[in-house]
Amino acid sequence: LTTGGLGPTKDDITKEALAKLTSSKGMYLHEGQFDVMSR
């Protein structure tokens, strides 16, 4: 379990690292989280 590094600033690089670590082929917009964020 990891915490941190998921903010909007340039030093938050965790997501990019996790994509590489897990052999992700790309990113997609998660509508459920986007709706919460917008609200």
PDB file of all heavy atoms in Angstrom:
ATOM      1  N   LEU A   1       0.852  -1.190   0.000  1.00  0.00           N
ATOM      2  CA  LEU A   1       0.000   0.000   0.000  1.00  0.00           C
ATOM      3  C   LEU A   1       0.884   1.234   0.000  1.00  0.00           C
ATOM      4  O   LEU A   1       1.811   1.344   0.815  1.00  0.00           O
ATOM      5  CB  LEU A   1      -0.907   0.027   1.233  1.00  0.00           C
ATOM      6  CG  LEU A   1      -1.846  -1.169   1.407  1.00  0.00           C
ATOM      7  CD1 LEU A   1      -1.267  -2.155   2.408  1.00  0.00           C
ATOM      8  CD2 LEU A   1      -3.222  -0.721   1.865  1.00  0.00           C
ATOM      9  N   THR A   2       0.614   2.153  -0.929  1.00  0.00           N
ATOM     10  CA  THR A   2       1.375   3.391  -0.981  1.00  0.00           C
ATOM     11  C   THR A   2       0.461   4.572  -0.674  1.00  0.00           C
ATOM     12  O   THR A   2      -0.744   4.517  -0.926  1.00  0.00           O
ATOM     13  CB  THR A   2       2.014   3.620  -2.363  1.00  0.00           C
ATOM     14  OG1 THR A   2       0.997   3.957  -3.312  1.00  0.00           O
ATOM     15  CG2 THR A   2       2.760   2.388  -2.841  1.00  0.00           C
ATOM     16  N   THR A   3       1.047   5.630  -0.129  1.00  0.00           N
ATOM     17  CA  THR A   3       0.313   6.885   0.054  1.00  0.00           C
ATOM     18  C   THR A   3       1.189   8.024  -0.456  1.00  0.00           C
ATOM     19  O   THR A   3       2.405   8.002  -0.308  1.00  0.00           O
ATOM     20  CB  THR A   3      -0.038   7.162   1.533  1.00  0.00           C
ATOM     21  OG1 THR A   3       1.163   7.383   2.289  1.00  0.00           O
ATOM     22  CG2 THR A   3      -0.806   6.011   2.146  1.00  0.00           C
ATOM     23  N   GLY A   4       0.529   9.018  -1.055  1.00  0.00           N
ATOM     24  CA  GLY A   4       1.247  10.219  -1.470  1.00  0.00           C
ATOM     25  C   GLY A   4       1.665  10.214  -2.922  1.00  0.00           C
ATOM     26  O   GLY A   4       1.595   9.212  -3.630  1.00  0.00           O
ATOM     27  N   GLY A   5       2.085  11.396  -3.371  1.00  0.00           N
ATOM     28  CA  GLY A   5       2.610  11.563  -4.717  1.00  0.00           C
ATOM     29  C   GLY A   5       1.556  11.594  -5.802  1.00  0.00           C
ATOM     30  O   GLY A   5       1.874  11.370  -6.972  1.00  0.00           O
ATOM     31  N   LEU A   6       0.294  11.878  -5.436  1.00  0.00           N
ATOM     32  CA  LEU A   6      -0.781  11.843  -6.428  1.00  0.00           C
ATOM     33  C   LEU A   6      -1.420  13.208  -6.651  1.00  0.00           C
ATOM     34  O   LEU A   6      -2.514  13.304  -7.202  1.00  0.00           O
ATOM     35  CB  LEU A   6      -1.866  10.843  -5.986  1.00  0.00           C
ATOM     36  CG  LEU A   6      -1.422   9.392  -5.814  1.00  0.00           C
ATOM     37  CD1 LEU A   6      -2.574   8.558  -5.272  1.00  0.00           C
ATOM     38  CD2 LEU A   6      -0.919   8.816  -7.131  1.00  0.00           C
ATOM     39  N   GLY A   7      -0.758  14.272  -6.238  1.00  0.00           N
ATOM     40  CA  GLY A   7      -1.327  15.613  -6.355  1.00  0.00           C
ATOM     41  C   GLY A   7      -1.214  16.174  -7.761  1.00  0.00           C
ATOM     42  O   GLY A   7      -0.722  15.521  -8.688  1.00  0.00           O
ATOM     43  N   PRO A   8      -1.625  17.437  -7.923  1.00  0.00           N
ATOM     44  CA  PRO A   8      -1.630  18.057  -9.243  1.00  0.00           C
ATOM     45  C   PRO A   8      -0.310  18.709  -9.636  1.00  0.00           C
ATOM     46  O   PRO A   8      -0.177  19.177 -10.763  1.00  0.00           O
ATOM     47  CB  PRO A   8      -2.726  19.122  -9.104  1.00  0.00           C
ATOM     48  CG  PRO A   8      -2.664  19.521  -7.660  1.00  0.00           C
ATOM     49  CD  PRO A   8      -2.308  18.273  -6.907  1.00  0.00           C
ATOM     50  N   THR A   9       0.664  18.753  -8.748  1.00  0.00           N
ATOM     51  CA  THR A   9       1.910  19.460  -9.038  1.00  0.00           C
ATOM     52  C   THR A   9       2.908  18.550  -9.744  1.00  0.00           C
ATOM     53  O   THR A   9       2.781  17.324  -9.745  1.00  0.00           O
ATOM     54  CB  THR A   9       2.536  20.004  -7.747  1.00  0.00           C
ATOM     55  OG1 THR A   9       2.727  18.930  -6.817  1.00  0.00           O
ATOM     56  CG2 THR A   9       1.618  21.046  -7.116  1.00  0.00           C
ATOM     57  N   LYS A  10       3.944  19.163 -10.322  1.00  0.00           N
ATOM     58  CA  LYS A  10       4.888  18.430 -11.159  1.00  0.00           C
ATOM     59  C   LYS A  10       5.740  17.431 -10.381  1.00  0.00           C
ATOM     60  O   LYS A  10       6.271  16.485 -10.966  1.00  0.00           O
ATOM     61  CB  LYS A  10       5.792  19.420 -11.902  1.00  0.00           C
ATOM     62  CG  LYS A  10       5.072  20.217 -12.991  1.00  0.00           C
ATOM     63  CD  LYS A  10       6.024  21.127 -13.742  1.00  0.00           C
ATOM     64  CE  LYS A  10       5.300  21.886 -14.850  1.00  0.00           C
ATOM     65  NZ  LYS A  10       6.216  22.785 -15.596  1.00  0.00           N
ATOM     66  N   ASP A  11       5.888  17.649  -9.065  1.00  0.00           N
ATOM     67  CA  ASP A  11       6.710  16.721  -8.291  1.00  0.00           C
ATOM     68  C   ASP A  11       5.929  15.461  -7.901  1.00  0.00           C
ATOM     69  O   ASP A  11       6.486  14.541  -7.309  1.00  0.00           O
ATOM     70  CB  ASP A  11       7.291  17.386  -7.039  1.00  0.00           C
ATOM     71  CG  ASP A  11       6.218  17.820  -6.050  1.00  0.00           C
ATOM     72  OD1 ASP A  11       5.074  18.030  -6.473  1.00  0.00           O
ATOM     73  OD2 ASP A  11       6.553  17.962  -4.854  1.00  0.00           O
ATOM     74  N   ASP A  12       4.625  15.416  -8.209  1.00  0.00           N
ATOM     75  CA  ASP A  12       3.822  14.230  -7.903  1.00  0.00           C
ATOM     76  C   ASP A  12       3.898  13.287  -9.099  1.00  0.00           C
ATOM     77  O   ASP A  12       3.112  13.370 -10.050  1.00  0.00           O
ATOM     78  CB  ASP A  12       2.375  14.632  -7.605  1.00  0.00           C
ATOM     79  CG  ASP A  12       2.264  15.382  -6.286  1.00  0.00           C
ATOM     80  OD1 ASP A  12       2.765  14.854  -5.285  1.00  0.00           O
ATOM     81  OD2 ASP A  12       1.688  16.481  -6.280  1.00  0.00           O
ATOM     82  N   ILE A  13       4.865  12.369  -9.022  1.00  0.00           N
ATOM     83  CA  ILE A  13       5.188  11.517 -10.172  1.00  0.00           C
ATOM     84  C   ILE A  13       4.837  10.053  -9.927  1.00  0.00           C
ATOM     85  O   ILE A  13       5.197   9.186 -10.718  1.00  0.00           O
ATOM     86  CB  ILE A  13       6.692  11.629 -10.506  1.00  0.00           C
ATOM     87  CG1 ILE A  13       7.542  11.274  -9.272  1.00  0.00           C
ATOM     88  CG2 ILE A  13       7.023  13.035 -10.987  1.00  0.00           C
ATOM     89  CD1 ILE A  13       9.033  11.245  -9.545  1.00  0.00           C
ATOM     90  N   THR A  14       4.132   9.791  -8.849  1.00  0.00           N
ATOM     91  CA  THR A  14       3.829   8.402  -8.494  1.00  0.00           C
ATOM     92  C   THR A  14       3.022   7.699  -9.580  1.00  0.00           C
ATOM     93  O   THR A  14       3.302   6.551  -9.939  1.00  0.00           O
ATOM     94  CB  THR A  14       3.069   8.354  -7.160  1.00  0.00           C
ATOM     95  OG1 THR A  14       3.888   8.916  -6.138  1.00  0.00           O
ATOM     96  CG2 THR A  14       2.718   6.929  -6.788  1.00  0.00           C
ATOM     97  N   LYS A  15       2.001   8.371 -10.102  1.00  0.00           N
ATOM     98  CA  LYS A  15       1.121   7.729 -11.090  1.00  0.00           C
ATOM     99  C   LYS A  15       1.915   7.292 -12.322  1.00  0.00           C
ATOM    100  O   LYS A  15       1.722   6.188 -12.855  1.00  0.00           O
ATOM    101  CB  LYS A  15       0.004   8.680 -11.483  1.00  0.00           C
ATOM    102  CG  LYS A  15      -1.105   8.015 -12.311  1.00  0.00           C
ATOM    103  CD  LYS A  15      -2.135   9.028 -12.746  1.00  0.00           C
ATOM    104  CE  LYS A  15      -2.809   9.696 -11.578  1.00  0.00           C
ATOM    105  NZ  LYS A  15      -3.848  10.665 -11.985  1.00  0.00           N
ATOM    106  N   GLU A  16       2.804   8.155 -12.759  1.00  0.00           N
ATOM    107  CA  GLU A  16       3.635   7.822 -13.920  1.00  0.00           C
ATOM    108  C   GLU A  16       4.519   6.615 -13.625  1.00  0.00           C
ATOM    109  O   GLU A  16       4.683   5.714 -14.467  1.00  0.00           O
ATOM    110  CB  GLU A  16       4.499   9.029 -14.285  1.00  0.00           C
ATOM    111  CG  GLU A  16       5.355   8.837 -15.523  1.00  0.00           C
ATOM    112  CD  GLU A  16       6.228  10.045 -15.820  1.00  0.00           C
ATOM    113  OE1 GLU A  16       5.927  11.142 -15.283  1.00  0.00           O
ATOM    114  OE2 GLU A  16       7.199   9.888 -16.577  1.00  0.00           O
ATOM    115  N   ALA A  17       5.068   6.579 -12.414  1.00  0.00           N
ATOM    116  CA  ALA A  17       5.922   5.455 -12.032  1.00  0.00           C
ATOM    117  C   ALA A  17       5.113   4.161 -11.948  1.00  0.00           C
ATOM    118  O   ALA A  17       5.563   3.092 -12.387  1.00  0.00           O
ATOM    119  CB  ALA A  17       6.598   5.746 -10.691  1.00  0.00           C
ATOM    120  N   LEU A  18       3.890   4.247 -11.403  1.00  0.00           N
ATOM    121  CA  LEU A  18       3.053   3.055 -11.277  1.00  0.00           C
ATOM    122  C   LEU A  18       2.637   2.528 -12.654  1.00  0.00           C
ATOM    123  O   LEU A  18       2.550   1.312 -12.863  1.00  0.00           O
ATOM    124  CB  LEU A  18       1.810   3.386 -10.448  1.00  0.00           C
ATOM    125  CG  LEU A  18       2.057   3.699  -8.966  1.00  0.00           C
ATOM    126  CD1 LEU A  18       0.752   4.086  -8.291  1.00  0.00           C
ATOM    127  CD2 LEU A  18       2.697   2.511  -8.258  1.00  0.00           C
ATOM    128  N   ALA A  19       2.377   3.431 -13.579  1.00  0.00           N
ATOM    129  CA  ALA A  19       2.029   3.010 -14.938  1.00  0.00           C
ATOM    130  C   ALA A  19       3.176   2.225 -15.563  1.00  0.00           C
ATOM    131  O   ALA A  19       2.964   1.183 -16.209  1.00  0.00           O
ATOM    132  CB  ALA A  19       1.685   4.227 -15.783  1.00  0.00           C
ATOM    133  N   LYS A  20       4.379   2.725 -15.357  1.00  0.00           N
ATOM    134  CA  LYS A  20       5.557   2.054 -15.908  1.00  0.00           C
ATOM    135  C   LYS A  20       5.794   0.720 -15.216  1.00  0.00           C
ATOM    136  O   LYS A  20       6.083  -0.296 -15.864  1.00  0.00           O
ATOM    137  CB  LYS A  20       6.779   2.965 -15.747  1.00  0.00           C
ATOM    138  CG  LYS A  20       8.034   2.464 -16.430  1.00  0.00           C
ATOM    139  CD  LYS A  20       9.134   3.514 -16.368  1.00  0.00           C
ATOM    140  CE  LYS A  20      10.387   3.049 -17.105  1.00  0.00           C
ATOM    141  NZ  LYS A  20      11.465   4.082 -17.062  1.00  0.00           N
ATOM    142  N   LEU A  21       5.647   0.700 -13.909  1.00  0.00           N
ATOM    143  CA  LEU A  21       5.898  -0.511 -13.116  1.00  0.00           C
ATOM    144  C   LEU A  21       4.934  -1.628 -13.487  1.00  0.00           C
ATOM    145  O   LEU A  21       5.305  -2.811 -13.507  1.00  0.00           O
ATOM    146  CB  LEU A  21       5.760  -0.181 -11.623  1.00  0.00           C
ATOM    147  CG  LEU A  21       5.991  -1.312 -10.625  1.00  0.00           C
ATOM    148  CD1 LEU A  21       7.458  -1.744 -10.622  1.00  0.00           C
ATOM    149  CD2 LEU A  21       5.571  -0.872  -9.218  1.00  0.00           C
ATOM    150  N   THR A  22       3.692  -1.261 -13.788  1.00  0.00           N
ATOM    151  CA  THR A  22       2.649  -2.266 -14.055  1.00  0.00           C
ATOM    152  C   THR A  22       2.391  -2.491 -15.544  1.00  0.00           C
ATOM    153  O   THR A  22       1.378  -3.071 -15.922  1.00  0.00           O
ATOM    154  CB  THR A  22       1.333  -1.849 -13.360  1.00  0.00           C
ATOM    155  OG1 THR A  22       0.917  -0.565 -13.857  1.00  0.00           O
ATOM    156  CG2 THR A  22       1.515  -1.770 -11.851  1.00  0.00           C
ATOM    157  N   SER A  23       3.303  -2.004 -16.368  1.00  0.00           N
ATOM    158  CA  SER A  23       3.235  -2.207 -17.829  1.00  0.00           C
ATOM    159  C   SER A  23       1.943  -1.680 -18.436  1.00  0.00           C
ATOM    160  O   SER A  23       1.333  -2.307 -19.314  1.00  0.00           O
ATOM    161  CB  SER A  23       3.403  -3.701 -18.175  1.00  0.00           C
ATOM    162  OG  SER A  23       4.634  -4.182 -17.703  1.00  0.00           O
ATOM    163  N   SER A  24       1.523  -0.512 -17.967  1.00  0.00           N
ATOM    164  CA  SER A  24       0.325   0.117 -18.524  1.00  0.00           C
ATOM    165  C   SER A  24       0.594   0.548 -19.972  1.00  0.00           C
ATOM    166  O   SER A  24       1.690   0.989 -20.312  1.00  0.00           O
ATOM    167  CB  SER A  24      -0.055   1.337 -17.674  1.00  0.00           C
ATOM    168  OG  SER A  24      -1.058   2.097 -18.301  1.00  0.00           O
ATOM    169  N   LYS A  25      -0.451   0.442 -20.801  1.00  0.00           N
ATOM    170  CA  LYS A  25      -0.324   0.843 -22.196  1.00  0.00           C
ATOM    171  C   LYS A  25      -0.839   2.254 -22.443  1.00  0.00           C
ATOM    172  O   LYS A  25      -0.744   2.781 -23.555  1.00  0.00           O
ATOM    173  CB  LYS A  25      -1.064  -0.149 -23.088  1.00  0.00           C
ATOM    174  CG  LYS A  25      -0.466  -1.551 -23.079  1.00  0.00           C
ATOM    175  CD  LYS A  25      -1.252  -2.484 -23.968  1.00  0.00           C
ATOM    176  CE  LYS A  25      -0.587  -3.854 -24.049  1.00  0.00           C
ATOM    177  NZ  LYS A  25      -0.485  -4.491 -22.729  1.00  0.00           N
ATOM    178  N   GLY A  26      -1.432   2.870 -21.408  1.00  0.00           N
ATOM    179  CA  GLY A  26      -1.953   4.222 -21.580  1.00  0.00           C
ATOM    180  C   GLY A  26      -2.805   4.643 -20.401  1.00  0.00           C
ATOM    181  O   GLY A  26      -2.974   3.906 -19.425  1.00  0.00           O
ATOM    182  N   MET A  27      -3.333   5.870 -20.481  1.00  0.00           N
ATOM    183  CA  MET A  27      -4.157   6.434 -19.410  1.00  0.00           C
ATOM    184  C   MET A  27      -5.582   6.634 -19.910  1.00  0.00           C
ATOM    185  O   MET A  27      -5.816   6.808 -21.116  1.00  0.00           O
ATOM    186  CB  MET A  27      -3.588   7.786 -18.978  1.00  0.00           C
ATOM    187  CG  MET A  27      -2.188   7.728 -18.384  1.00  0.00           C
ATOM    188  SD  MET A  27      -2.233   7.269 -16.654  1.00  0.00           S
ATOM    189  CE  MET A  27      -0.510   7.549 -16.208  1.00  0.00           C
ATOM    190  N   TYR A  28      -6.540   6.617 -18.979  1.00  0.00           N
ATOM    191  CA  TYR A  28      -7.908   6.948 -19.339  1.00  0.00           C
ATOM    192  C   TYR A  28      -8.536   7.797 -18.233  1.00  0.00           C
ATOM    193  O   TYR A  28      -8.092   7.757 -17.082  1.00  0.00           O
ATOM    194  CB  TYR A  28      -8.740   5.689 -19.590  1.00  0.00           C
ATOM    195  CG  TYR A  28      -9.098   4.900 -18.339  1.00  0.00           C
ATOM    196  CD1 TYR A  28     -10.335   5.075 -17.711  1.00  0.00           C
ATOM    197  CD2 TYR A  28      -8.206   3.964 -17.793  1.00  0.00           C
ATOM    198  CE1 TYR A  28     -10.669   4.351 -16.578  1.00  0.00           C
ATOM    199  CE2 TYR A  28      -8.538   3.243 -16.663  1.00  0.00           C
ATOM    200  CZ  TYR A  28      -9.766   3.438 -16.053  1.00  0.00           C
ATOM    201  OH  TYR A  28     -10.098   2.731 -14.927  1.00  0.00           O
ATOM    202  N   LEU A  29      -9.534   8.579 -18.596  1.00  0.00           N
ATOM    203  CA  LEU A  29     -10.211   9.433 -17.626  1.00  0.00           C
ATOM    204  C   LEU A  29     -11.261   8.613 -16.886  1.00  0.00           C
ATOM    205  O   LEU A  29     -12.176   8.051 -17.493  1.00  0.00           O
ATOM    206  CB  LEU A  29     -10.894  10.608 -18.337  1.00  0.00           C
ATOM    207  CG  LEU A  29     -11.684  11.572 -17.435  1.00  0.00           C
ATOM    208  CD1 LEU A  29     -10.731  12.374 -16.550  1.00  0.00           C
ATOM    209  CD2 LEU A  29     -12.540  12.510 -18.279  1.00  0.00           C
ATOM    210  N   HIS A  30     -11.131   8.573 -15.559  1.00  0.00           N
ATOM    211  CA  HIS A  30     -12.126   7.857 -14.768  1.00  0.00           C
ATOM    212  C   HIS A  30     -13.265   8.823 -14.441  1.00  0.00           C
ATOM    213  O   HIS A  30     -13.094   9.774 -13.674  1.00  0.00           O
ATOM    214  CB  HIS A  30     -11.526   7.293 -13.476  1.00  0.00           C
ATOM    215  CG  HIS A  30     -12.442   6.335 -12.780  1.00  0.00           C
ATOM    216  ND1 HIS A  30     -13.413   6.746 -11.904  1.00  0.00           N
ATOM    217  CD2 HIS A  30     -12.550   4.980 -12.885  1.00  0.00           C
ATOM    218  CE1 HIS A  30     -14.076   5.687 -11.462  1.00  0.00           C
ATOM    219  NE2 HIS A  30     -13.573   4.598 -12.039  1.00  0.00           N
ATOM    220  N   GLU A  31     -14.419   8.579 -15.039  1.00  0.00           N
ATOM    221  CA  GLU A  31     -15.533   9.519 -14.956  1.00  0.00           C
ATOM    222  C   GLU A  31     -16.029   9.700 -13.515  1.00  0.00           C
ATOM    223  O   GLU A  31     -16.395  10.804 -13.110  1.00  0.00           O
ATOM    224  CB  GLU A  31     -16.690   9.048 -15.846  1.00  0.00           C
ATOM    225  CG  GLU A  31     -16.361   9.031 -17.336  1.00  0.00           C
ATOM    226  CD  GLU A  31     -16.190  10.425 -17.902  1.00  0.00           C
ATOM    227  OE1 GLU A  31     -16.565  11.407 -17.233  1.00  0.00           O
ATOM    228  OE2 GLU A  31     -15.665  10.532 -19.040  1.00  0.00           O
ATOM    229  N   GLY A  32     -16.059   8.614 -12.753  1.00  0.00           N
ATOM    230  CA  GLY A  32     -16.539   8.713 -11.381  1.00  0.00           C
ATOM    231  C   GLY A  32     -15.694   9.645 -10.538  1.00  0.00           C
ATOM    232  O   GLY A  32     -16.216  10.492  -9.794  1.00  0.00           O
ATOM    233  N   GLN A  33     -14.350   9.526 -10.660  1.00  0.00           N
ATOM    234  CA  GLN A  33     -13.472  10.411  -9.893  1.00  0.00           C
ATOM    235  C   GLN A  33     -13.526  11.833 -10.432  1.00  0.00           C
ATOM    236  O   GLN A  33     -13.451  12.800  -9.667  1.00  0.00           O
ATOM    237  CB  GLN A  33     -12.029   9.892  -9.938  1.00  0.00           C
ATOM    238  CG  GLN A  33     -11.102  10.610  -8.953  1.00  0.00           C
ATOM    239  CD  GLN A  33     -11.525  10.399  -7.502  1.00  0.00           C
ATOM    240  OE1 GLN A  33     -11.621   9.281  -7.028  1.00  0.00           O
ATOM    241  NE2 GLN A  33     -11.793  11.488  -6.800  1.00  0.00           N
ATOM    242  N   PHE A  34     -13.693  11.962 -11.750  1.00  0.00           N
ATOM    243  CA  PHE A  34     -13.793  13.300 -12.340  1.00  0.00           C
ATOM    244  C   PHE A  34     -15.045  14.027 -11.846  1.00  0.00           C
ATOM    245  O   PHE A  34     -15.013  15.228 -11.574  1.00  0.00           O
ATOM    246  CB  PHE A  34     -13.804  13.209 -13.865  1.00  0.00           C
ATOM    247  CG  PHE A  34     -13.855  14.553 -14.546  1.00  0.00           C
ATOM    248  CD1 PHE A  34     -12.752  15.394 -14.533  1.00  0.00           C
ATOM    249  CD2 PHE A  34     -15.014  14.979 -15.188  1.00  0.00           C
ATOM    250  CE1 PHE A  34     -12.799  16.641 -15.148  1.00  0.00           C
ATOM    251  CE2 PHE A  34     -15.070  16.216 -15.807  1.00  0.00           C
ATOM    252  CZ  PHE A  34     -13.953  17.055 -15.783  1.00  0.00           C
ATOM    253  N   ASP A  35     -16.138  13.300 -11.686  1.00  0.00           N
ATOM    254  CA  ASP A  35     -17.363  13.921 -11.178  1.00  0.00           C
ATOM    255  C   ASP A  35     -17.185  14.405  -9.746  1.00  0.00           C
ATOM    256  O   ASP A  35     -17.627  15.511  -9.386  1.00  0.00           O
ATOM    257  CB  ASP A  35     -18.527  12.919 -11.245  1.00  0.00           C
ATOM    258  CG  ASP A  35     -18.970  12.635 -12.676  1.00  0.00           C
ATOM    259  OD1 ASP A  35     -18.601  13.421 -13.574  1.00  0.00           O
ATOM    260  OD2 ASP A  35     -19.665  11.623 -12.881  1.00  0.00           O
ATOM    261  N   VAL A  36     -16.540  13.577  -8.923  1.00  0.00           N
ATOM    262  CA  VAL A  36     -16.286  13.981  -7.525  1.00  0.00           C
ATOM    263  C   VAL A  36     -15.376  15.201  -7.491  1.00  0.00           C
ATOM    264  O   VAL A  36     -15.614  16.163  -6.759  1.00  0.00           O
ATOM    265  CB  VAL A  36     -15.661  12.818  -6.728  1.00  0.00           C
ATOM    266  CG1 VAL A  36     -15.200  13.310  -5.350  1.00  0.00           C
ATOM    267  CG2 VAL A  36     -16.653  11.675  -6.573  1.00  0.00           C
ATOM    268  N   MET A  37     -14.313  15.162  -8.293  1.00  0.00           N
ATOM    269  CA  MET A  37     -13.382  16.283  -8.365  1.00  0.00           C
ATOM    270  C   MET A  37     -14.096  17.574  -8.767  1.00  0.00           C
ATOM    271  O   MET A  37     -13.900  18.628  -8.144  1.00  0.00           O
ATOM    272  CB  MET A  37     -12.273  15.970  -9.374  1.00  0.00           C
ATOM    273  CG  MET A  37     -11.334  17.146  -9.638  1.00  0.00           C
ATOM    274  SD  MET A  37     -10.351  16.865 -11.127  1.00  0.00           S
ATOM    275  CE  MET A  37      -9.501  15.380 -10.667  1.00  0.00           C
ATOM    276  N   SER A  38     -14.923  17.497  -9.780  1.00  0.00           N
ATOM    277  CA  SER A  38     -15.634  18.688 -10.260  1.00  0.00           C
ATOM    278  C   SER A  38     -16.534  19.249  -9.165  1.00  0.00           C
ATOM    279  O   SER A  38     -16.594  20.468  -8.954  1.00  0.00           O
ATOM    280  CB  SER A  38     -16.460  18.342 -11.492  1.00  0.00           C
ATOM    281  OG  SER A  38     -15.637  17.858 -12.532  1.00  0.00           O
ATOM    282  N   ARG A  39     -17.235  18.363  -8.479  1.00  0.00           N
ATOM    283  CA  ARG A  39     -18.121  18.811  -7.407  1.00  0.00           C
ATOM    284  C   ARG A  39     -17.347  19.514  -6.295  1.00  0.00           C
ATOM    285  O   ARG A  39     -17.757  20.560  -5.789  1.00  0.00           O
ATOM    286  CB  ARG A  39     -18.887  17.612  -6.839  1.00  0.00           C
ATOM    287  CG  ARG A  39     -19.947  18.009  -5.803  1.00  0.00           C
ATOM    288  CD  ARG A  39     -20.624  16.802  -5.193  1.00  0.00           C
ATOM    289  NE  ARG A  39     -19.763  16.086  -4.273  1.00  0.00           N
ATOM    290  CZ  ARG A  39     -19.349  14.845  -4.437  1.00  0.00           C
ATOM    291  NH1 ARG A  39     -19.709  14.160  -5.495  1.00  0.00           N
ATOM    292  NH2 ARG A  39     -18.565  14.275  -3.536  1.00  0.00           N
TER     293      ARG A  39
END
